[in-house]
């Protein structure tokens, strides 16, 4: 063995010994160390209640926020993700992986009564409520499914659709479901008439995703990277017309829109990066009429997947 090779081997051994003999630092967040969760406050006034996902304690949990502060709804050692309010605002659906694979769960609005809705050996993620609250849609094996909460009967949302698709949202005013679908290259927003099962693409170019219906069903908020290459919140009609860029922020990726109950504001997550797992994400609110953006919550490293209901907590 040459002298250089022996030197390289010695350095490797020193590195391994040091790494194995030193406890890795625990993941922390400075803001959470200084303040208890219930002392964290939003930086903008708003009405109603917003749920979101954050890893403030090291793994993803669900938090509920009002203008008065935060309440932690889940507290465990696994990941709780993608919260969605039920139509009546009394329950929250979310995905979680207590046994490794992800399933869909439902809990009360105060975090009590957690119960599995669907939990097979496959991953079930990205829940969305049916408009009447009778069931929950979810993504499994790159397709949309629904489960009836009373009978636990499962069914494909679009039985004959073969492209990869997920991230559904249902119109409160028509038998329509909007979703993100895979193109040959990239993703676009699609809509399906559930009565006729006809599917149409509302965007093109492979750079759009995550549609959400307004409370009256007349508009869709969605994410598009067409303008700045990173992502903005846009609006359009459910037939794909009248596309309007709502957040004009070239330096940030603006994602995960959710409407206020009055349809006049949208909460979203924003980051200078693009990864929901490694970059810092904060919550913002944009006024639909003026396009004015205000910061809402930045105390967490990653505040993701917000959802907004109108009524104050009971």
Protein backbone atom coordinates (compact mmCIF):
# COMPACT_ATOMS: atom_id res chain seq x y z
CA UNK A 1 0.00 0.00 0.00
CA UNK A 2 1.36 3.42 -0.97
CA UNK A 3 1.90 6.21 1.54
CA UNK A 4 -0.99 8.20 0.05
CA UNK A 5 -3.32 5.22 0.27
CA UNK A 6 -2.38 4.59 3.93
CA UNK A 7 -3.04 8.28 4.70
CA UNK A 8 -6.47 8.17 3.03
CA UNK A 9 -7.38 4.98 4.95
CA UNK A 10 -6.33 6.56 8.25
CA UNK A 11 -8.48 9.63 7.59
CA UNK A 12 -11.49 7.43 6.76
CA UNK A 13 -11.07 5.46 10.01
CA UNK A 14 -10.82 8.67 12.05
CA UNK A 15 -14.01 9.97 10.41
CA UNK A 16 -15.93 6.74 11.11
CA UNK A 17 -14.83 6.58 14.76
CA UNK A 18 -15.78 10.22 15.29
CA UNK A 19 -19.15 9.77 13.63
CA UNK A 20 -20.04 6.62 15.56
CA UNK A 21 -18.84 7.93 18.89
CA UNK A 22 -20.71 11.23 18.76
CA UNK A 23 -24.44 11.54 19.25
CA UNK A 24 -26.10 13.30 16.32
CA UNK A 25 -27.68 16.60 17.29
CA UNK A 26 -31.43 16.48 17.62
CA UNK A 27 -33.44 18.44 15.07
CA UNK A 28 -34.65 21.64 16.69
CA UNK A 29 -36.34 24.86 15.75
CA UNK A 30 -35.13 27.97 17.55
CA UNK A 31 -38.53 29.62 17.60
CA UNK A 32 -40.15 26.59 19.21
CA UNK A 33 -37.40 26.41 21.83
CA UNK A 34 -38.16 29.99 22.88
CA UNK A 35 -41.93 29.84 22.76
CA UNK A 36 -44.48 27.18 23.54
CA UNK A 37 -46.72 26.30 20.61
CA UNK A 38 -49.73 27.97 22.20
CA UNK A 39 -47.75 31.21 22.45
CA UNK A 40 -47.02 31.39 18.70
CA UNK A 41 -49.20 33.94 16.94
CA UNK A 42 -50.07 34.75 13.33
CA UNK A 43 -48.69 38.03 12.03
CA UNK A 44 -51.87 39.04 10.17
CA UNK A 45 -55.47 39.32 11.30
CA UNK A 46 -57.92 36.88 9.71
CA UNK A 47 -61.26 35.29 10.44
CA UNK A 48 -61.96 31.61 10.73
CA UNK A 49 -59.53 28.76 11.37
CA UNK A 50 -56.61 27.45 9.34
CA UNK A 51 -55.14 23.97 9.70
CA UNK A 52 -51.71 23.19 8.32
CA UNK A 53 -48.83 20.73 8.51
CA UNK A 54 -45.52 21.55 10.18
CA UNK A 55 -42.45 19.72 11.48
CA UNK A 56 -41.85 22.15 14.35
CA UNK A 57 -41.20 19.25 16.74
CA UNK A 58 -39.12 17.14 14.35
CA UNK A 59 -41.84 15.18 12.53
CA UNK A 60 -44.89 16.42 10.67
CA UNK A 61 -47.95 17.19 12.82
CA UNK A 62 -51.23 19.00 12.23
CA UNK A 63 -51.75 22.44 13.78
CA UNK A 64 -54.85 24.63 14.02
CA UNK A 65 -54.47 28.40 13.92
CA UNK A 66 -56.83 31.27 14.69
CA UNK A 67 -56.04 34.95 15.10
CA UNK A 68 -55.39 34.17 18.79
CA UNK A 69 -52.71 31.52 18.27
CA UNK A 70 -52.00 27.84 17.63
CA UNK A 71 -53.28 24.51 18.88
CA UNK A 72 -51.41 21.29 18.11
CA UNK A 73 -53.96 18.71 16.96
CA UNK A 74 -51.66 15.68 16.58
CA UNK A 75 -48.65 14.78 18.70
CA UNK A 76 -46.85 11.52 17.96
CA UNK A 77 -43.65 10.04 16.50
CA UNK A 78 -44.87 9.54 12.93
CA UNK A 79 -45.89 11.94 10.15
CA UNK A 80 -49.37 13.50 10.00
CA UNK A 81 -49.86 15.36 6.74
CA UNK A 82 -52.19 17.14 4.32
CA UNK A 83 -55.10 18.23 6.56
CA UNK A 84 -58.48 19.03 4.98
CA UNK A 85 -61.58 20.45 6.70
CA UNK A 86 -64.86 18.59 6.29
CA UNK A 87 -67.65 20.59 4.61
CA UNK A 88 -69.33 21.24 7.97
CA UNK A 89 -66.04 22.32 9.59
CA UNK A 90 -66.30 19.79 12.42
CA UNK A 91 -63.72 17.23 11.30
CA UNK A 92 -60.31 17.10 9.68
CA UNK A 93 -59.15 14.41 7.27
CA UNK A 94 -55.41 13.82 6.97
CA UNK A 95 -52.86 11.21 5.95
CA UNK A 96 -50.49 9.52 8.42
CA UNK A 97 -47.97 6.67 8.54
CA UNK A 98 -48.00 5.12 12.03
CA UNK A 99 -47.16 1.69 10.56
CA UNK A 100 -44.86 2.82 7.77
CA UNK A 101 -47.29 3.14 4.87
CA UNK A 102 -49.65 6.11 4.66
CA UNK A 103 -53.36 5.80 5.36
CA UNK A 104 -56.23 8.29 5.62
CA UNK A 105 -57.59 9.28 9.02
CA UNK A 106 -60.30 11.58 10.36
CA UNK A 107 -60.37 13.46 13.66
CA UNK A 108 -62.55 16.04 15.38
CA UNK A 109 -61.66 19.71 15.02
CA UNK A 110 -59.94 19.67 18.44
CA UNK A 111 -57.72 16.67 17.63
CA UNK A 112 -59.83 14.09 19.50
CA UNK A 113 -61.47 11.00 18.07
CA UNK A 114 -58.75 10.03 15.59
CA UNK A 115 -60.00 7.11 13.50
CA UNK A 116 -58.70 5.34 10.38
CA UNK A 117 -60.77 5.74 7.24
CA UNK A 118 -58.73 3.62 4.87
CA UNK A 119 -55.44 1.93 5.72
CA UNK A 120 -54.30 -0.82 3.33
CA UNK A 121 -50.75 -2.04 2.65
CA UNK A 122 -50.63 0.61 -0.11
CA UNK A 123 -50.05 4.32 0.47
CA UNK A 124 -53.24 6.38 0.64
CA UNK A 125 -52.56 10.11 0.63
CA UNK A 126 -53.89 13.57 -0.28
CA UNK A 127 -57.43 13.37 1.16
CA UNK A 128 -60.30 15.55 -0.05
CA UNK A 129 -63.90 15.55 1.15
CA UNK A 130 -66.92 14.86 -0.99
CA UNK A 131 -69.17 17.94 -1.02
CA UNK A 132 -71.85 16.34 1.20
CA UNK A 133 -69.33 15.04 3.72
CA UNK A 134 -70.37 11.42 3.17
CA UNK A 135 -66.96 10.28 2.01
CA UNK A 136 -63.32 11.12 1.46
CA UNK A 137 -61.33 10.95 -1.75
CA UNK A 138 -57.67 10.00 -1.73
CA UNK A 139 -54.81 9.01 -4.00
CA UNK A 140 -53.73 5.37 -4.22
CA UNK A 141 -51.43 3.84 -6.85
CA UNK A 142 -51.46 7.03 -8.92
CA UNK A 143 -55.27 7.14 -9.17
CA UNK A 144 -58.16 8.77 -7.33
CA UNK A 145 -60.40 6.74 -5.06
CA UNK A 146 -63.27 7.48 -2.68
CA UNK A 147 -64.35 5.75 0.50
CA UNK A 148 -67.85 5.96 1.96
CA UNK A 149 -67.51 6.84 5.65
CA UNK A 150 -70.57 4.82 6.63
CA UNK A 151 -70.13 1.62 4.59
CA UNK A 152 -66.33 1.82 4.00
CA UNK A 153 -67.05 0.94 0.37
CA UNK A 154 -64.28 2.10 -1.97
CA UNK A 155 -64.54 3.10 -5.64
CA UNK A 156 -62.45 4.70 -8.36
CA UNK A 157 -63.40 8.34 -8.97
CA UNK A 158 -62.76 8.08 -12.72
CA UNK A 159 -62.86 4.35 -13.49
CA UNK A 160 -61.72 4.56 -17.13
CA UNK A 161 -58.97 7.14 -16.69
CA UNK A 162 -55.53 5.55 -17.09
CA UNK A 163 -53.13 8.48 -16.66
CA UNK A 164 -51.39 9.13 -13.34
CA UNK A 165 -53.55 11.56 -11.36
CA UNK A 166 -54.22 12.76 -7.81
CA UNK A 167 -54.66 15.83 -5.57
CA UNK A 168 -58.40 16.08 -6.07
CA UNK A 169 -60.86 18.82 -5.15
CA UNK A 170 -64.64 18.65 -5.60
CA UNK A 171 -66.89 21.48 -6.69
CA UNK A 172 -69.50 22.50 -4.10
CA UNK A 173 -71.86 23.62 -6.88
CA UNK A 174 -71.62 21.06 -9.71
CA UNK A 175 -70.70 17.37 -10.24
CA UNK A 176 -67.11 18.32 -11.06
CA UNK A 177 -63.80 17.12 -9.67
CA UNK A 178 -60.56 18.95 -10.46
CA UNK A 179 -57.22 17.21 -10.12
CA UNK A 180 -53.55 17.18 -11.07
CA UNK A 181 -52.75 14.85 -13.96
CA UNK A 182 -49.53 13.67 -15.55
CA UNK A 183 -48.60 14.75 -19.04
CA UNK A 184 -45.90 13.18 -21.18
CA UNK A 185 -43.67 15.80 -19.58
CA UNK A 186 -44.81 17.52 -16.38
CA UNK A 187 -48.22 18.02 -14.75
CA UNK A 188 -51.37 19.94 -15.61
CA UNK A 189 -54.78 20.72 -14.15
CA UNK A 190 -57.67 18.57 -15.35
CA UNK A 191 -61.38 18.50 -14.64
CA UNK A 192 -63.86 15.64 -14.80
CA UNK A 193 -67.64 15.87 -15.10
CA UNK A 194 -68.64 13.08 -12.74
CA UNK A 195 -72.01 12.67 -14.47
CA UNK A 196 -70.59 12.05 -17.95
CA UNK A 197 -67.07 10.99 -16.84
CA UNK A 198 -65.66 13.33 -19.46
CA UNK A 199 -62.14 14.55 -18.64
CA UNK A 200 -60.66 17.78 -20.01
CA UNK A 201 -57.30 19.46 -19.54
CA UNK A 202 -57.63 23.04 -18.25
CA UNK A 203 -53.94 23.94 -18.62
CA UNK A 204 -51.16 22.92 -20.97
CA UNK A 205 -47.39 23.00 -20.95
CA UNK A 206 -46.84 20.59 -18.05
CA UNK A 207 -46.26 23.30 -15.42
CA UNK A 208 -49.52 23.51 -13.44
CA UNK A 209 -51.01 21.62 -10.49
CA UNK A 210 -53.09 21.64 -7.26
CA UNK A 211 -56.50 23.09 -8.23
CA UNK A 212 -58.92 24.24 -5.51
CA UNK A 213 -62.53 25.33 -6.06
CA UNK A 214 -63.75 28.60 -4.60
CA UNK A 215 -66.55 28.30 -2.00
CA UNK A 216 -69.19 29.13 -4.64
CA UNK A 217 -67.61 26.86 -7.27
CA UNK A 218 -67.18 29.67 -9.78
CA UNK A 219 -63.38 29.84 -9.73
CA UNK A 220 -60.42 27.52 -9.44
CA UNK A 221 -57.21 28.53 -7.70
CA UNK A 222 -54.20 26.60 -8.94
CA UNK A 223 -50.41 26.68 -9.09
CA UNK A 224 -48.55 27.49 -12.29
CA UNK A 225 -44.85 27.95 -13.00
CA UNK A 226 -45.54 29.41 -16.44
CA UNK A 227 -44.66 33.00 -15.48
CA UNK A 228 -41.54 32.67 -13.33
CA UNK A 229 -40.45 29.04 -13.49
CA UNK A 230 -40.95 28.59 -9.72
CA UNK A 231 -44.70 28.72 -9.07
CA UNK A 232 -47.46 31.28 -8.47
CA UNK A 233 -51.09 31.16 -7.41
CA UNK A 234 -53.40 31.67 -10.39
CA UNK A 235 -57.17 31.81 -10.88
CA UNK A 236 -59.34 30.52 -13.73
CA UNK A 237 -62.90 29.53 -14.47
CA UNK A 238 -63.82 25.83 -14.17
CA UNK A 239 -63.82 25.62 -17.98
CA UNK A 240 -60.23 26.85 -18.16
CA UNK A 241 -60.97 30.38 -19.35
CA UNK A 242 -59.94 33.72 -17.82
CA UNK A 243 -56.60 32.64 -16.39
CA UNK A 244 -55.20 35.33 -14.08
CA UNK A 245 -51.91 35.41 -12.19
CA UNK A 246 -52.69 36.24 -8.57
CA UNK A 247 -49.26 36.22 -6.86
CA UNK A 248 -46.63 38.04 -8.89
CA UNK A 249 -43.57 37.05 -6.87
CA UNK A 250 -40.75 35.90 -9.14
CA UNK A 251 -38.34 35.20 -6.27
CA UNK A 252 -40.54 32.64 -4.49
CA UNK A 253 -42.39 29.39 -5.10
CA UNK A 254 -46.02 30.00 -4.08
CA UNK A 255 -47.94 26.74 -3.59
CA UNK A 256 -50.82 24.95 -1.84
CA UNK A 257 -53.69 27.49 -2.17
CA UNK A 258 -56.83 27.28 0.00
CA UNK A 259 -59.78 29.68 -0.04
CA UNK A 260 -61.33 31.69 2.76
CA UNK A 261 -65.02 31.02 3.29
CA UNK A 262 -66.02 34.36 1.73
CA UNK A 263 -63.98 33.69 -1.42
CA UNK A 264 -62.10 36.98 -1.07
CA UNK A 265 -58.76 35.68 0.21
CA UNK A 266 -56.49 32.68 -0.30
CA UNK A 267 -53.91 31.27 2.11
CA UNK A 268 -50.84 29.64 0.60
CA UNK A 269 -47.34 28.40 1.42
CA UNK A 270 -44.30 30.15 0.01
CA UNK A 271 -40.59 29.38 -0.15
CA UNK A 272 -37.48 30.68 -1.83
CA UNK A 273 -36.69 27.05 -2.62
CA UNK A 274 -38.95 24.38 -4.01
CA UNK A 275 -38.68 21.30 -1.80
CA UNK A 276 -41.40 20.71 0.84
CA UNK A 277 -38.96 18.49 2.76
CA UNK A 278 -35.80 20.62 2.94
CA UNK A 279 -36.66 24.26 2.23
CA UNK A 280 -38.23 26.77 4.60
CA UNK A 281 -41.94 27.45 3.93
CA UNK A 282 -44.08 30.19 5.48
CA UNK A 283 -47.79 30.98 5.23
CA UNK A 284 -49.13 34.04 3.41
CA UNK A 285 -52.55 35.45 2.52
CA UNK A 286 -53.37 37.09 -0.81
CA UNK A 287 -56.40 39.32 -1.39
CA UNK A 288 -58.17 38.08 -4.51
CA UNK A 289 -59.32 41.55 -5.64
CA UNK A 290 -56.24 43.67 -4.93
CA UNK A 291 -53.57 40.91 -5.21
CA UNK A 292 -52.03 42.27 -2.01
CA UNK A 293 -49.94 39.63 -0.22
CA UNK A 294 -49.38 39.72 3.55
CA UNK A 295 -47.29 37.34 5.70
CA UNK A 296 -49.34 35.18 8.05
CA UNK A 297 -47.04 32.74 9.87
CA UNK A 298 -43.29 32.15 9.64
CA UNK A 299 -42.34 30.70 13.05
CA UNK A 300 -42.00 27.16 11.66
CA UNK A 301 -39.33 25.86 9.30
CA UNK A 302 -41.99 24.28 7.12
CA UNK A 303 -45.65 25.33 7.25
CA UNK A 304 -47.37 23.42 4.45
CA UNK A 305 -50.75 22.38 3.03
CA UNK A 306 -52.98 24.99 4.72
CA UNK A 307 -56.76 24.63 4.65
CA UNK A 308 -59.20 27.36 5.77
CA UNK A 309 -62.67 27.16 7.27
CA UNK A 310 -64.96 30.07 7.93
CA UNK A 311 -66.45 29.60 11.37
CA UNK A 312 -64.65 30.49 14.57
CA UNK A 313 -63.91 27.54 16.91
CA UNK A 314 -66.88 26.58 19.07
